[in-house]
Each structure stands twice: as C-alpha cells, then as structure tokens.
C-alpha cells in the first residue's frame, strides 16, 4: 500500500522559498503566478492492505 504525506507551512506563515520561486518564475516570463508555496512530499510503501491496522 502506498501512503502519501504532504507537509507544508500553515497559511499566514511566511514561505521565503516560495517567494524566491515566484520571483524566478516572474523573471522567466510567467507573469500570471499569484502565489507559490513550497512543500515536501513523503511517500511510504507499507506492507499489507488493511487500512484499519495501518492507521491504528
């Protein structure tokens, strides 16, 4: 079973890495980008398929 966990900053918390990416996109000509938030994704491969046991 594959479990995907997305980790990101809460709304209202400054994201300097996202701001840098937004600036870089603007310099490359992507003018329609309103906001950028950078997050991390963790992908877990678990043994078994019984969701009740995995999430217990």
N, C-alpha and C. Protein backbone atom coordinates (compact mmCIF):
# COMPACT_ATOMS: atom_id res chain seq x y z
N UNK A 1 0.86 -1.18 0.00
CA UNK A 1 0.00 0.00 0.00
C UNK A 1 0.90 1.24 0.00
N UNK A 2 0.53 2.22 -0.76
CA UNK A 2 1.28 3.47 -0.83
C UNK A 2 0.52 4.55 -0.06
N UNK A 3 1.24 5.25 0.82
CA UNK A 3 0.68 6.36 1.58
C UNK A 3 1.49 7.60 1.23
N UNK A 4 0.80 8.68 0.88
CA UNK A 4 1.47 9.94 0.53
C UNK A 4 1.14 10.98 1.58
N UNK A 5 2.19 11.59 2.15
CA UNK A 5 2.04 12.61 3.18
C UNK A 5 2.61 13.91 2.63
N UNK A 6 1.79 14.97 2.58
CA UNK A 6 2.25 16.29 2.15
C UNK A 6 2.46 17.16 3.37
N UNK A 7 3.64 17.78 3.46
CA UNK A 7 4.00 18.63 4.60
C UNK A 7 4.23 20.04 4.06
N UNK A 8 3.47 21.00 4.60
CA UNK A 8 3.64 22.38 4.16
C UNK A 8 3.41 23.32 5.34
N UNK A 9 3.80 24.56 5.15
CA UNK A 9 3.61 25.57 6.19
C UNK A 9 2.14 25.96 6.28
N UNK A 10 1.72 26.36 7.47
CA UNK A 10 0.34 26.82 7.65
C UNK A 10 0.12 28.13 6.91
N UNK A 11 -1.14 28.41 6.58
CA UNK A 11 -1.49 29.69 5.98
C UNK A 11 -1.08 30.81 6.93
N UNK A 12 -0.55 31.87 6.39
CA UNK A 12 -0.15 33.01 7.21
C UNK A 12 1.31 32.97 7.62
N UNK A 13 1.96 31.81 7.50
CA UNK A 13 3.38 31.69 7.81
C UNK A 13 4.17 32.03 6.55
N UNK A 14 5.15 32.90 6.68
CA UNK A 14 5.94 33.30 5.52
C UNK A 14 6.68 32.11 4.92
N UNK A 15 6.75 32.06 3.61
CA UNK A 15 7.43 30.99 2.88
C UNK A 15 8.49 31.62 1.98
N UNK A 16 9.70 31.88 2.52
CA UNK A 16 10.72 32.55 1.72
C UNK A 16 11.15 31.75 0.49
N UNK A 17 11.13 30.42 0.59
CA UNK A 17 11.49 29.61 -0.57
C UNK A 17 10.43 29.75 -1.66
N UNK A 18 9.17 29.80 -1.28
CA UNK A 18 8.10 30.01 -2.25
C UNK A 18 8.20 31.37 -2.90
N UNK A 19 8.57 32.38 -2.11
CA UNK A 19 8.73 33.74 -2.65
C UNK A 19 9.86 33.78 -3.67
N UNK A 20 10.96 33.06 -3.39
CA UNK A 20 12.09 33.02 -4.33
C UNK A 20 11.69 32.33 -5.64
N UNK A 21 10.91 31.25 -5.53
CA UNK A 21 10.45 30.55 -6.73
C UNK A 21 9.52 31.45 -7.54
N UNK A 22 8.63 32.17 -6.86
CA UNK A 22 7.72 33.09 -7.56
C UNK A 22 8.51 34.16 -8.31
N UNK A 23 9.53 34.70 -7.66
CA UNK A 23 10.38 35.72 -8.30
C UNK A 23 11.10 35.14 -9.52
N UNK A 24 11.62 33.91 -9.38
CA UNK A 24 12.32 33.27 -10.50
C UNK A 24 11.36 33.02 -11.66
N UNK A 25 10.13 32.59 -11.37
CA UNK A 25 9.15 32.37 -12.43
C UNK A 25 8.82 33.67 -13.15
N UNK A 26 8.68 34.76 -12.38
CA UNK A 26 8.39 36.06 -12.99
C UNK A 26 9.53 36.49 -13.91
N UNK A 27 10.77 36.23 -13.50
CA UNK A 27 11.91 36.62 -14.33
C UNK A 27 12.01 35.76 -15.59
N UNK A 28 11.37 34.58 -15.57
CA UNK A 28 11.35 33.72 -16.75
C UNK A 28 10.14 34.00 -17.65
N UNK A 29 9.31 34.97 -17.26
CA UNK A 29 8.20 35.37 -18.10
C UNK A 29 6.85 34.80 -17.70
N UNK A 30 6.78 34.10 -16.58
CA UNK A 30 5.50 33.57 -16.09
C UNK A 30 4.84 34.64 -15.22
N UNK A 31 4.07 35.53 -15.85
CA UNK A 31 3.54 36.69 -15.14
C UNK A 31 2.21 36.41 -14.42
N UNK A 32 1.55 35.31 -14.71
CA UNK A 32 0.24 35.03 -14.14
C UNK A 32 0.27 34.28 -12.82
N UNK A 33 1.44 34.10 -12.22
CA UNK A 33 1.55 33.34 -10.98
C UNK A 33 1.21 34.26 -9.81
N UNK A 34 0.15 33.95 -9.07
CA UNK A 34 -0.29 34.78 -7.95
C UNK A 34 0.49 34.47 -6.67
N UNK A 35 0.71 33.17 -6.39
CA UNK A 35 1.41 32.79 -5.17
C UNK A 35 2.07 31.44 -5.37
N UNK A 36 3.15 31.20 -4.64
CA UNK A 36 3.86 29.92 -4.68
C UNK A 36 4.12 29.48 -3.26
N UNK A 37 3.78 28.25 -2.95
CA UNK A 37 4.07 27.66 -1.64
C UNK A 37 4.88 26.39 -1.90
N UNK A 38 6.00 26.25 -1.22
CA UNK A 38 6.85 25.08 -1.38
C UNK A 38 6.52 24.10 -0.26
N UNK A 39 6.38 22.83 -0.62
CA UNK A 39 6.04 21.79 0.35
C UNK A 39 6.95 20.58 0.11
N UNK A 40 6.89 19.63 1.03
CA UNK A 40 7.60 18.37 0.88
C UNK A 40 6.58 17.25 0.81
N UNK A 41 6.91 16.24 0.03
CA UNK A 41 6.04 15.09 -0.09
C UNK A 41 6.82 13.85 0.33
N UNK A 42 6.22 13.08 1.23
CA UNK A 42 6.83 11.84 1.71
C UNK A 42 5.95 10.70 1.22
N UNK A 43 6.56 9.75 0.53
CA UNK A 43 5.83 8.60 0.00
C UNK A 43 6.29 7.36 0.77
N UNK A 44 5.34 6.70 1.42
CA UNK A 44 5.63 5.50 2.20
C UNK A 44 5.07 4.28 1.48
N UNK A 45 5.87 3.24 1.36
CA UNK A 45 5.41 1.95 0.85
C UNK A 45 5.26 1.04 2.05
N UNK A 46 4.02 0.66 2.37
CA UNK A 46 3.74 -0.15 3.55
C UNK A 46 3.34 -1.56 3.16
N UNK A 47 3.67 -2.51 4.03
CA UNK A 47 3.25 -3.89 3.84
C UNK A 47 1.77 -4.02 4.20
N UNK A 48 1.06 -4.82 3.48
CA UNK A 48 -0.34 -5.09 3.80
C UNK A 48 -1.28 -4.11 3.12
N UNK A 49 -2.54 -4.48 3.19
CA UNK A 49 -3.57 -3.67 2.56
C UNK A 49 -4.70 -3.30 3.53
N UNK A 50 -4.61 -3.74 4.79
CA UNK A 50 -5.67 -3.49 5.76
C UNK A 50 -5.51 -2.10 6.35
N UNK A 51 -6.31 -1.15 5.89
CA UNK A 51 -6.21 0.23 6.33
C UNK A 51 -6.42 0.39 7.85
N UNK A 52 -7.31 -0.41 8.42
CA UNK A 52 -7.58 -0.30 9.86
C UNK A 52 -6.33 -0.61 10.68
N UNK A 53 -5.55 -1.59 10.28
CA UNK A 53 -4.32 -1.94 11.01
C UNK A 53 -3.23 -0.89 10.79
N UNK A 54 -3.14 -0.36 9.60
CA UNK A 54 -2.10 0.61 9.27
C UNK A 54 -2.32 1.92 9.99
N UNK A 55 -3.57 2.40 10.06
CA UNK A 55 -3.87 3.69 10.65
C UNK A 55 -4.14 3.62 12.16
N UNK A 56 -4.04 2.44 12.75
CA UNK A 56 -4.31 2.30 14.19
C UNK A 56 -3.20 2.87 15.04
